[in-house]
């Protein structure tokens, strides 16, 4: 199952965007899907969804020092798409 609320946005100046891999080790970890850019973030910051942040720190902290790295993007399950409506007049 994709972690729908384990999403993040990342600075366009991030080392991950520039393909510079980082080594991480931690006692706890989460995997998030980067879905957007965060223009207001510093190059070493991620903007995590609250549900993802709660997996590594208490929300009251507001920020946490972390290490991160890029990992393979693979889905644990098949992805199923349900179409709720189809508008032929509007092209689909």
PDB file of N, CA and C in Angstrom:
ATOM      1  N   UNK A   1       0.839  -1.184   0.000  1.00  0.00           N
ATOM      2  CA  UNK A   1       0.000   0.000   0.000  1.00  0.00           C
ATOM      3  C   UNK A   1       0.877   1.238   0.000  1.00  0.00           C
ATOM      4  N   UNK A   2       0.594   2.151  -0.871  1.00  0.00           N
ATOM      5  CA  UNK A   2       1.362   3.387  -0.901  1.00  0.00           C
ATOM      6  C   UNK A   2       1.076   4.200   0.354  1.00  0.00           C
ATOM      7  N   UNK A   3       2.079   4.858   0.888  1.00  0.00           N
ATOM      8  CA  UNK A   3       1.878   5.661   2.110  1.00  0.00           C
ATOM      9  C   UNK A   3       1.257   7.010   1.765  1.00  0.00           C
ATOM     10  N   UNK A   4      -0.050   7.051   1.589  1.00  0.00           N
ATOM     11  CA  UNK A   4      -0.715   8.248   1.097  1.00  0.00           C
ATOM     12  C   UNK A   4      -0.431   9.485   1.935  1.00  0.00           C
ATOM     13  N   UNK A   5      -0.252   9.321   3.227  1.00  0.00           N
ATOM     14  CA  UNK A   5       0.038  10.478   4.057  1.00  0.00           C
ATOM     15  C   UNK A   5       1.502  10.524   4.443  1.00  0.00           C
ATOM     16  N   UNK A   6       2.306   9.645   3.877  1.00  0.00           N
ATOM     17  CA  UNK A   6       3.751   9.718   4.050  1.00  0.00           C
ATOM     18  C   UNK A   6       4.321  10.380   2.805  1.00  0.00           C
ATOM     19  N   UNK A   7       4.014  11.668   2.677  1.00  0.00           N
ATOM     20  CA  UNK A   7       4.464  12.432   1.526  1.00  0.00           C
ATOM     21  C   UNK A   7       5.295  13.609   2.001  1.00  0.00           C
ATOM     22  N   UNK A   8       6.074  14.164   1.107  1.00  0.00           N
ATOM     23  CA  UNK A   8       6.937  15.285   1.453  1.00  0.00           C
ATOM     24  C   UNK A   8       7.149  16.149   0.226  1.00  0.00           C
ATOM     25  N   UNK A   9       7.578  17.361   0.469  1.00  0.00           N
ATOM     26  CA  UNK A   9       8.060  18.205  -0.618  1.00  0.00           C
ATOM     27  C   UNK A   9       9.511  18.529  -0.309  1.00  0.00           C
ATOM     28  N   UNK A  10      10.261  18.883  -1.327  1.00  0.00           N
ATOM     29  CA  UNK A  10      11.702  19.016  -1.176  1.00  0.00           C
ATOM     30  C   UNK A  10      12.191  20.267  -1.896  1.00  0.00           C
ATOM     31  N   UNK A  11      13.224  20.876  -1.370  1.00  0.00           N
ATOM     32  CA  UNK A  11      13.809  22.056  -1.984  1.00  0.00           C
ATOM     33  C   UNK A  11      14.402  21.704  -3.344  1.00  0.00           C
ATOM     34  N   UNK A  12      14.236  22.562  -4.333  1.00  0.00           N
ATOM     35  CA  UNK A  12      14.866  22.305  -5.621  1.00  0.00           C
ATOM     36  C   UNK A  12      16.394  22.323  -5.530  1.00  0.00           C
ATOM     37  N   UNK A  13      16.936  22.848  -4.436  1.00  0.00           N
ATOM     38  CA  UNK A  13      18.388  22.883  -4.229  1.00  0.00           C
ATOM     39  C   UNK A  13      18.896  21.699  -3.418  1.00  0.00           C
ATOM     40  N   UNK A  14      18.022  20.768  -3.091  1.00  0.00           N
ATOM     41  CA  UNK A  14      18.401  19.612  -2.287  1.00  0.00           C
ATOM     42  C   UNK A  14      19.448  18.759  -2.988  1.00  0.00           C
ATOM     43  N   UNK A  15      20.305  18.126  -2.196  1.00  0.00           N
ATOM     44  CA  UNK A  15      21.293  17.213  -2.751  1.00  0.00           C
ATOM     45  C   UNK A  15      20.620  16.033  -3.444  1.00  0.00           C
ATOM     46  N   UNK A  16      19.435  15.633  -2.996  1.00  0.00           N
ATOM     47  CA  UNK A  16      18.728  14.542  -3.669  1.00  0.00           C
ATOM     48  C   UNK A  16      18.330  14.937  -5.079  1.00  0.00           C
ATOM     49  N   UNK A  17      17.918  16.169  -5.242  1.00  0.00           N
ATOM     50  CA  UNK A  17      17.544  16.641  -6.565  1.00  0.00           C
ATOM     51  C   UNK A  17      18.773  16.685  -7.467  1.00  0.00           C
ATOM     52  N   UNK A  18      19.919  16.994  -6.889  1.00  0.00           N
ATOM     53  CA  UNK A  18      21.162  17.071  -7.664  1.00  0.00           C
ATOM     54  C   UNK A  18      21.846  15.716  -7.774  1.00  0.00           C
ATOM     55  N   UNK A  19      21.155  14.634  -7.385  1.00  0.00           N
ATOM     56  CA  UNK A  19      21.673  13.261  -7.489  1.00  0.00           C
ATOM     57  C   UNK A  19      22.958  13.031  -6.713  1.00  0.00           C
ATOM     58  N   UNK A  20      23.030  13.566  -5.531  1.00  0.00           N
ATOM     59  CA  UNK A  20      24.163  13.284  -4.657  1.00  0.00           C
ATOM     60  C   UNK A  20      23.661  12.391  -3.534  1.00  0.00           C
ATOM     61  N   UNK A  21      23.901  11.090  -3.611  1.00  0.00           N
ATOM     62  CA  UNK A  21      23.374  10.176  -2.592  1.00  0.00           C
ATOM     63  C   UNK A  21      23.963  10.444  -1.217  1.00  0.00           C
ATOM     64  N   UNK A  22      23.166  10.211  -0.204  1.00  0.00           N
ATOM     65  CA  UNK A  22      23.604  10.379   1.171  1.00  0.00           C
ATOM     66  C   UNK A  22      23.453   9.052   1.890  1.00  0.00           C
ATOM     67  N   UNK A  23      24.323   8.800   2.836  1.00  0.00           N
ATOM     68  CA  UNK A  23      24.265   7.579   3.628  1.00  0.00           C
ATOM     69  C   UNK A  23      23.517   7.889   4.914  1.00  0.00           C
ATOM     70  N   UNK A  24      22.601   7.023   5.284  1.00  0.00           N
ATOM     71  CA  UNK A  24      21.818   7.232   6.500  1.00  0.00           C
ATOM     72  C   UNK A  24      21.860   6.001   7.379  1.00  0.00           C
ATOM     73  N   UNK A  25      21.805   6.230   8.666  1.00  0.00           N
ATOM     74  CA  UNK A  25      21.582   5.148   9.617  1.00  0.00           C
ATOM     75  C   UNK A  25      20.773   5.731  10.754  1.00  0.00           C
ATOM     76  N   UNK A  26      19.842   4.957  11.258  1.00  0.00           N
ATOM     77  CA  UNK A  26      18.942   5.469  12.277  1.00  0.00           C
ATOM     78  C   UNK A  26      18.313   4.310  13.027  1.00  0.00           C
ATOM     79  N   UNK A  27      17.808   4.613  14.208  1.00  0.00           N
ATOM     80  CA  UNK A  27      17.087   3.589  14.951  1.00  0.00           C
ATOM     81  C   UNK A  27      15.647   3.487  14.479  1.00  0.00           C
ATOM     82  N   UNK A  28      15.126   4.529  13.855  1.00  0.00           N
ATOM     83  CA  UNK A  28      13.782   4.481  13.286  1.00  0.00           C
ATOM     84  C   UNK A  28      13.824   5.138  11.918  1.00  0.00           C
ATOM     85  N   UNK A  29      12.958   4.659  11.034  1.00  0.00           N
ATOM     86  CA  UNK A  29      12.939   5.246   9.699  1.00  0.00           C
ATOM     87  C   UNK A  29      11.543   5.148   9.111  1.00  0.00           C
ATOM     88  N   UNK A  30      11.272   6.013   8.159  1.00  0.00           N
ATOM     89  CA  UNK A  30      10.041   5.973   7.386  1.00  0.00           C
ATOM     90  C   UNK A  30      10.421   6.180   5.929  1.00  0.00           C
ATOM     91  N   UNK A  31       9.553   5.769   5.051  1.00  0.00           N
ATOM     92  CA  UNK A  31       9.728   6.035   3.630  1.00  0.00           C
ATOM     93  C   UNK A  31       8.615   6.974   3.209  1.00  0.00           C
ATOM     94  N   UNK A  32       8.972   8.064   2.558  1.00  0.00           N
ATOM     95  CA  UNK A  32       7.983   9.021   2.075  1.00  0.00           C
ATOM     96  C   UNK A  32       8.123   9.151   0.569  1.00  0.00           C
ATOM     97  N   UNK A  33       7.074   9.621  -0.061  1.00  0.00           N
ATOM     98  CA  UNK A  33       7.083   9.887  -1.488  1.00  0.00           C
ATOM     99  C   UNK A  33       7.162  11.398  -1.665  1.00  0.00           C
ATOM    100  N   UNK A  34       8.196  11.877  -2.343  1.00  0.00           N
ATOM    101  CA  UNK A  34       8.313  13.311  -2.611  1.00  0.00           C
ATOM    102  C   UNK A  34       7.376  13.620  -3.768  1.00  0.00           C
ATOM    103  N   UNK A  35       6.377  14.468  -3.491  1.00  0.00           N
ATOM    104  CA  UNK A  35       5.347  14.743  -4.487  1.00  0.00           C
ATOM    105  C   UNK A  35       5.380  16.164  -5.018  1.00  0.00           C
ATOM    106  N   UNK A  36       6.230  17.005  -4.451  1.00  0.00           N
ATOM    107  CA  UNK A  36       6.199  18.408  -4.829  1.00  0.00           C
ATOM    108  C   UNK A  36       7.513  19.065  -4.447  1.00  0.00           C
ATOM    109  N   UNK A  37       7.710  20.286  -4.932  1.00  0.00           N
ATOM    110  CA  UNK A  37       8.839  21.095  -4.510  1.00  0.00           C
ATOM    111  C   UNK A  37       8.411  21.976  -3.351  1.00  0.00           C
ATOM    112  N   UNK A  38       9.377  22.361  -2.542  1.00  0.00           N
ATOM    113  CA  UNK A  38       9.142  23.279  -1.434  1.00  0.00           C
ATOM    114  C   UNK A  38      10.078  24.471  -1.629  1.00  0.00           C
ATOM    115  N   UNK A  39       9.655  25.477  -2.390  1.00  0.00           N
ATOM    116  CA  UNK A  39      10.530  26.605  -2.685  1.00  0.00           C
ATOM    117  C   UNK A  39      11.008  27.354  -1.439  1.00  0.00           C
ATOM    118  N   UNK A  40      10.228  27.312  -0.368  1.00  0.00           N
ATOM    119  CA  UNK A  40      10.607  28.018   0.854  1.00  0.00           C
ATOM    120  C   UNK A  40      11.544  27.214   1.741  1.00  0.00           C
ATOM    121  N   UNK A  41      11.788  25.948   1.410  1.00  0.00           N
ATOM    122  CA  UNK A  41      12.672  25.100   2.216  1.00  0.00           C
ATOM    123  C   UNK A  41      14.129  25.373   1.865  1.00  0.00           C
ATOM    124  N   UNK A  42      14.985  25.274   2.884  1.00  0.00           N
ATOM    125  CA  UNK A  42      16.422  25.321   2.639  1.00  0.00           C
ATOM    126  C   UNK A  42      16.824  24.041   1.914  1.00  0.00           C
ATOM    127  N   UNK A  43      18.010  24.030   1.337  1.00  0.00           N
ATOM    128  CA  UNK A  43      18.462  22.880   0.547  1.00  0.00           C
ATOM    129  C   UNK A  43      18.533  21.601   1.365  1.00  0.00           C
ATOM    130  N   UNK A  44      18.670  21.707   2.676  1.00  0.00           N
ATOM    131  CA  UNK A  44      18.780  20.512   3.527  1.00  0.00           C
ATOM    132  C   UNK A  44      17.490  20.214   4.286  1.00  0.00           C
ATOM    133  N   UNK A  45      16.358  20.713   3.827  1.00  0.00           N
ATOM    134  CA  UNK A  45      15.082  20.515   4.519  1.00  0.00           C
ATOM    135  C   UNK A  45      14.089  19.730   3.665  1.00  0.00           C
ATOM    136  N   UNK A  46      13.254  18.964   4.356  1.00  0.00           N
ATOM    137  CA  UNK A  46      12.085  18.320   3.765  1.00  0.00           C
ATOM    138  C   UNK A  46      10.865  18.876   4.476  1.00  0.00           C
ATOM    139  N   UNK A  47       9.781  19.061   3.767  1.00  0.00           N
ATOM    140  CA  UNK A  47       8.528  19.476   4.372  1.00  0.00           C
ATOM    141  C   UNK A  47       7.633  18.243   4.419  1.00  0.00           C
ATOM    142  N   UNK A  48       7.558  17.605   5.587  1.00  0.00           N
ATOM    143  CA  UNK A  48       6.814  16.355   5.732  1.00  0.00           C
ATOM    144  C   UNK A  48       5.352  16.610   6.070  1.00  0.00           C
ATOM    145  N   UNK A  49       4.476  15.753   5.567  1.00  0.00           N
ATOM    146  CA  UNK A  49       3.082  15.757   6.002  1.00  0.00           C
ATOM    147  C   UNK A  49       3.068  15.424   7.491  1.00  0.00           C
ATOM    148  N   UNK A  50       2.111  15.953   8.218  1.00  0.00           N
ATOM    149  CA  UNK A  50       2.050  15.756   9.672  1.00  0.00           C
ATOM    150  C   UNK A  50       2.041  14.283  10.063  1.00  0.00           C
ATOM    151  N   UNK A  51       1.333  13.441   9.313  1.00  0.00           N
ATOM    152  CA  UNK A  51       1.280  12.016   9.659  1.00  0.00           C
ATOM    153  C   UNK A  51       2.648  11.359   9.522  1.00  0.00           C
ATOM    154  N   UNK A  52       3.423  11.795   8.542  1.00  0.00           N
ATOM    155  CA  UNK A  52       4.783  11.261   8.384  1.00  0.00           C
ATOM    156  C   UNK A  52       5.686  11.789   9.494  1.00  0.00           C
ATOM    157  N   UNK A  53       5.572  13.074   9.802  1.00  0.00           N
ATOM    158  CA  UNK A  53       6.413  13.679  10.839  1.00  0.00           C
ATOM    159  C   UNK A  53       6.202  12.995  12.186  1.00  0.00           C
ATOM    160  N   UNK A  54       4.949  12.652  12.490  1.00  0.00           N
ATOM    161  CA  UNK A  54       4.646  12.000  13.769  1.00  0.00           C
ATOM    162  C   UNK A  54       5.338  10.651  13.925  1.00  0.00           C
ATOM    163  N   UNK A  55       5.770  10.055  12.826  1.00  0.00           N
ATOM    164  CA  UNK A  55       6.467   8.775  12.907  1.00  0.00           C
ATOM    165  C   UNK A  55       7.908   8.933  13.386  1.00  0.00           C
ATOM    166  N   UNK A  56       8.444  10.160  13.311  1.00  0.00           N
ATOM    167  CA  UNK A  56       9.838  10.377  13.717  1.00  0.00           C
ATOM    168  C   UNK A  56       9.992  11.343  14.879  1.00  0.00           C
ATOM    169  N   UNK A  57       8.985  12.179  15.139  1.00  0.00           N
ATOM    170  CA  UNK A  57       9.079  13.152  16.237  1.00  0.00           C
ATOM    171  C   UNK A  57       7.680  13.613  16.624  1.00  0.00           C
ATOM    172  N   UNK A  58       7.588  14.234  17.780  1.00  0.00           N
ATOM    173  CA  UNK A  58       6.302  14.787  18.218  1.00  0.00           C
ATOM    174  C   UNK A  58       5.999  16.050  17.427  1.00  0.00           C
ATOM    175  N   UNK A  59       4.744  16.214  17.019  1.00  0.00           N
ATOM    176  CA  UNK A  59       4.348  17.379  16.231  1.00  0.00           C
ATOM    177  C   UNK A  59       4.697  18.693  16.918  1.00  0.00           C
ATOM    178  N   UNK A  60       4.615  18.719  18.236  1.00  0.00           N
ATOM    179  CA  UNK A  60       4.877  19.944  18.987  1.00  0.00           C
ATOM    180  C   UNK A  60       6.289  20.474  18.755  1.00  0.00           C
ATOM    181  N   UNK A  61       7.209  19.590  18.383  1.00  0.00           N
ATOM    182  CA  UNK A  61       8.593  20.014  18.143  1.00  0.00           C
ATOM    183  C   UNK A  61       8.690  20.925  16.929  1.00  0.00           C
ATOM    184  N   UNK A  62       7.862  20.681  15.931  1.00  0.00           N
ATOM    185  CA  UNK A  62       7.869  21.526  14.750  1.00  0.00           C
ATOM    186  C   UNK A  62       8.943  21.190  13.733  1.00  0.00           C
ATOM    187  N   UNK A  63      10.100  20.733  14.195  1.00  0.00           N
ATOM    188  CA  UNK A  63      11.169  20.326  13.283  1.00  0.00           C
ATOM    189  C   UNK A  63      12.021  19.269  13.969  1.00  0.00           C
ATOM    190  N   UNK A  64      12.772  18.542  13.170  1.00  0.00           N
ATOM    191  CA  UNK A  64      13.641  17.491  13.704  1.00  0.00           C
ATOM    192  C   UNK A  64      14.862  17.363  12.806  1.00  0.00           C
ATOM    193  N   UNK A  65      15.973  17.024  13.416  1.00  0.00           N
ATOM    194  CA  UNK A  65      17.189  16.770  12.647  1.00  0.00           C
ATOM    195  C   UNK A  65      17.122  15.332  12.144  1.00  0.00           C
ATOM    196  N   UNK A  66      17.222  15.160  10.846  1.00  0.00           N
ATOM    197  CA  UNK A  66      17.123  13.829  10.242  1.00  0.00           C
ATOM    198  C   UNK A  66      18.232  13.649   9.209  1.00  0.00           C
ATOM    199  N   UNK A  67      18.396  12.427   8.798  1.00  0.00           N
ATOM    200  CA  UNK A  67      19.210  12.109   7.632  1.00  0.00           C
ATOM    201  C   UNK A  67      18.270  11.470   6.630  1.00  0.00           C
ATOM    202  N   UNK A  68      18.508  11.720   5.361  1.00  0.00           N
ATOM    203  CA  UNK A  68      17.632  11.130   4.358  1.00  0.00           C
ATOM    204  C   UNK A  68      18.433  10.737   3.131  1.00  0.00           C
ATOM    205  N   UNK A  69      17.837   9.816   2.384  1.00  0.00           N
ATOM    206  CA  UNK A  69      18.466   9.344   1.151  1.00  0.00           C
ATOM    207  C   UNK A  69      17.382   8.898   0.183  1.00  0.00           C
ATOM    208  N   UNK A  70      17.733   8.841  -1.062  1.00  0.00           N
ATOM    209  CA  UNK A  70      16.806   8.389  -2.091  1.00  0.00           C
ATOM    210  C   UNK A  70      16.807   6.867  -2.122  1.00  0.00           C
ATOM    211  N   UNK A  71      15.611   6.274  -2.229  1.00  0.00           N
ATOM    212  CA  UNK A  71      15.472   4.822  -2.309  1.00  0.00           C
ATOM    213  C   UNK A  71      14.641   4.474  -3.539  1.00  0.00           C
ATOM    214  N   UNK A  72      14.661   3.194  -3.905  1.00  0.00           N
ATOM    215  CA  UNK A  72      13.871   2.737  -5.044  1.00  0.00           C
ATOM    216  C   UNK A  72      12.390   2.958  -4.767  1.00  0.00           C
ATOM    217  N   UNK A  73      11.677   3.406  -5.765  1.00  0.00           N
ATOM    218  CA  UNK A  73      10.247   3.653  -5.639  1.00  0.00           C
ATOM    219  C   UNK A  73       9.495   2.430  -6.142  1.00  0.00           C
ATOM    220  N   UNK A  74       9.018   1.630  -5.215  1.00  0.00           N
ATOM    221  CA  UNK A  74       8.273   0.437  -5.613  1.00  0.00           C
ATOM    222  C   UNK A  74       7.015   0.325  -4.768  1.00  0.00           C
ATOM    223  N   UNK A  75       5.957  -0.094  -5.395  1.00  0.00           N
ATOM    224  CA  UNK A  75       4.681  -0.259  -4.720  1.00  0.00           C
ATOM    225  C   UNK A  75       4.596  -1.666  -4.138  1.00  0.00           C
ATOM    226  N   UNK A  76       4.097  -1.771  -2.922  1.00  0.00           N
ATOM    227  CA  UNK A  76       3.948  -3.075  -2.283  1.00  0.00           C
ATOM    228  C   UNK A  76       2.795  -3.873  -2.901  1.00  0.00           C
ATOM    229  N   UNK A  77       1.815  -3.175  -3.450  1.00  0.00           N
ATOM    230  CA  UNK A  77       0.637  -3.809  -4.034  1.00  0.00           C
ATOM    231  C   UNK A  77       0.434  -3.301  -5.455  1.00  0.00           C
ATOM    232  N   UNK A  78      -0.437  -3.988  -6.188  1.00  0.00           N
ATOM    233  CA  UNK A  78      -0.845  -3.478  -7.489  1.00  0.00           C
ATOM    234  C   UNK A  78      -1.643  -2.206  -7.280  1.00  0.00           C
ATOM    235  N   UNK A  79      -1.524  -1.290  -8.205  1.00  0.00           N
ATOM    236  CA  UNK A  79      -2.268  -0.038  -8.120  1.00  0.00           C
ATOM    237  C   UNK A  79      -3.551  -0.196  -8.922  1.00  0.00           C
ATOM    238  N   UNK A  80      -4.687   0.126  -8.301  1.00  0.00           N
ATOM    239  CA  UNK A  80      -5.987   0.040  -8.949  1.00  0.00           C
ATOM    240  C   UNK A  80      -6.565   1.441  -9.063  1.00  0.00           C
ATOM    241  N   UNK A  81      -7.048   1.792 -10.234  1.00  0.00           N
ATOM    242  CA  UNK A  81      -7.648   3.099 -10.461  1.00  0.00           C
ATOM    243  C   UNK A  81      -9.136   2.907 -10.697  1.00  0.00           C
ATOM    244  N   UNK A  82      -9.952   3.644  -9.967  1.00  0.00           N
ATOM    245  CA  UNK A  82     -11.396   3.632 -10.157  1.00  0.00           C
ATOM    246  C   UNK A  82     -11.800   4.952 -10.788  1.00  0.00           C
ATOM    247  N   UNK A  83     -12.503   4.893 -11.915  1.00  0.00           N
ATOM    248  CA  UNK A  83     -12.972   6.093 -12.594  1.00  0.00           C
ATOM    249  C   UNK A  83     -14.384   6.370 -12.116  1.00  0.00           C
ATOM    250  N   UNK A  84     -14.567   7.544 -11.515  1.00  0.00           N
ATOM    251  CA  UNK A  84     -15.862   7.921 -10.968  1.00  0.00           C
ATOM    252  C   UNK A  84     -16.771   8.507 -12.046  1.00  0.00           C
ATOM    253  N   UNK A  85     -16.194   9.149 -13.015  1.00  0.00           N
ATOM    254  CA  UNK A  85     -16.985   9.746 -14.082  1.00  0.00           C
ATOM    255  C   UNK A  85     -16.128   9.954 -15.313  1.00  0.00           C
ATOM    256  N   UNK A  86     -16.751   9.929 -16.459  1.00  0.00           N
ATOM    257  CA  UNK A  86     -16.032  10.117 -17.711  1.00  0.00           C
ATOM    258  C   UNK A  86     -16.774  11.159 -18.517  1.00  0.00           C
ATOM    259  N   UNK A  87     -16.096  12.246 -18.850  1.00  0.00           N
ATOM    260  CA  UNK A  87     -16.728  13.355 -19.572  1.00  0.00           C
ATOM    261  C   UNK A  87     -16.208  13.379 -21.009  1.00  0.00           C
ATOM    262  N   UNK A  88     -16.925  12.720 -21.908  1.00  0.00           N
ATOM    263  CA  UNK A  88     -16.511  12.633 -23.306  1.00  0.00           C
ATOM    264  C   UNK A  88     -16.408  14.022 -23.919  1.00  0.00           C
ATOM    265  N   UNK A  89     -17.352  14.892 -23.602  1.00  0.00           N
ATOM    266  CA  UNK A  89     -17.390  16.238 -24.171  1.00  0.00           C
ATOM    267  C   UNK A  89     -16.133  17.028 -23.795  1.00  0.00           C
ATOM    268  N   UNK A  90     -15.593  16.774 -22.607  1.00  0.00           N
ATOM    269  CA  UNK A  90     -14.422  17.512 -22.133  1.00  0.00           C
ATOM    270  C   UNK A  90     -13.121  16.755 -22.383  1.00  0.00           C
ATOM    271  N   UNK A  91     -13.178  15.705 -23.169  1.00  0.00           N
ATOM    272  CA  UNK A  91     -11.965  14.991 -23.541  1.00  0.00           C
ATOM    273  C   UNK A  91     -11.547  13.874 -22.610  1.00  0.00           C
ATOM    274  N   UNK A  92     -12.381  13.506 -21.678  1.00  0.00           N
ATOM    275  CA  UNK A  92     -12.036  12.377 -20.824  1.00  0.00           C
ATOM    276  C   UNK A  92     -12.339  12.577 -19.388  1.00  0.00           C
TER     277      UNK A  92
END
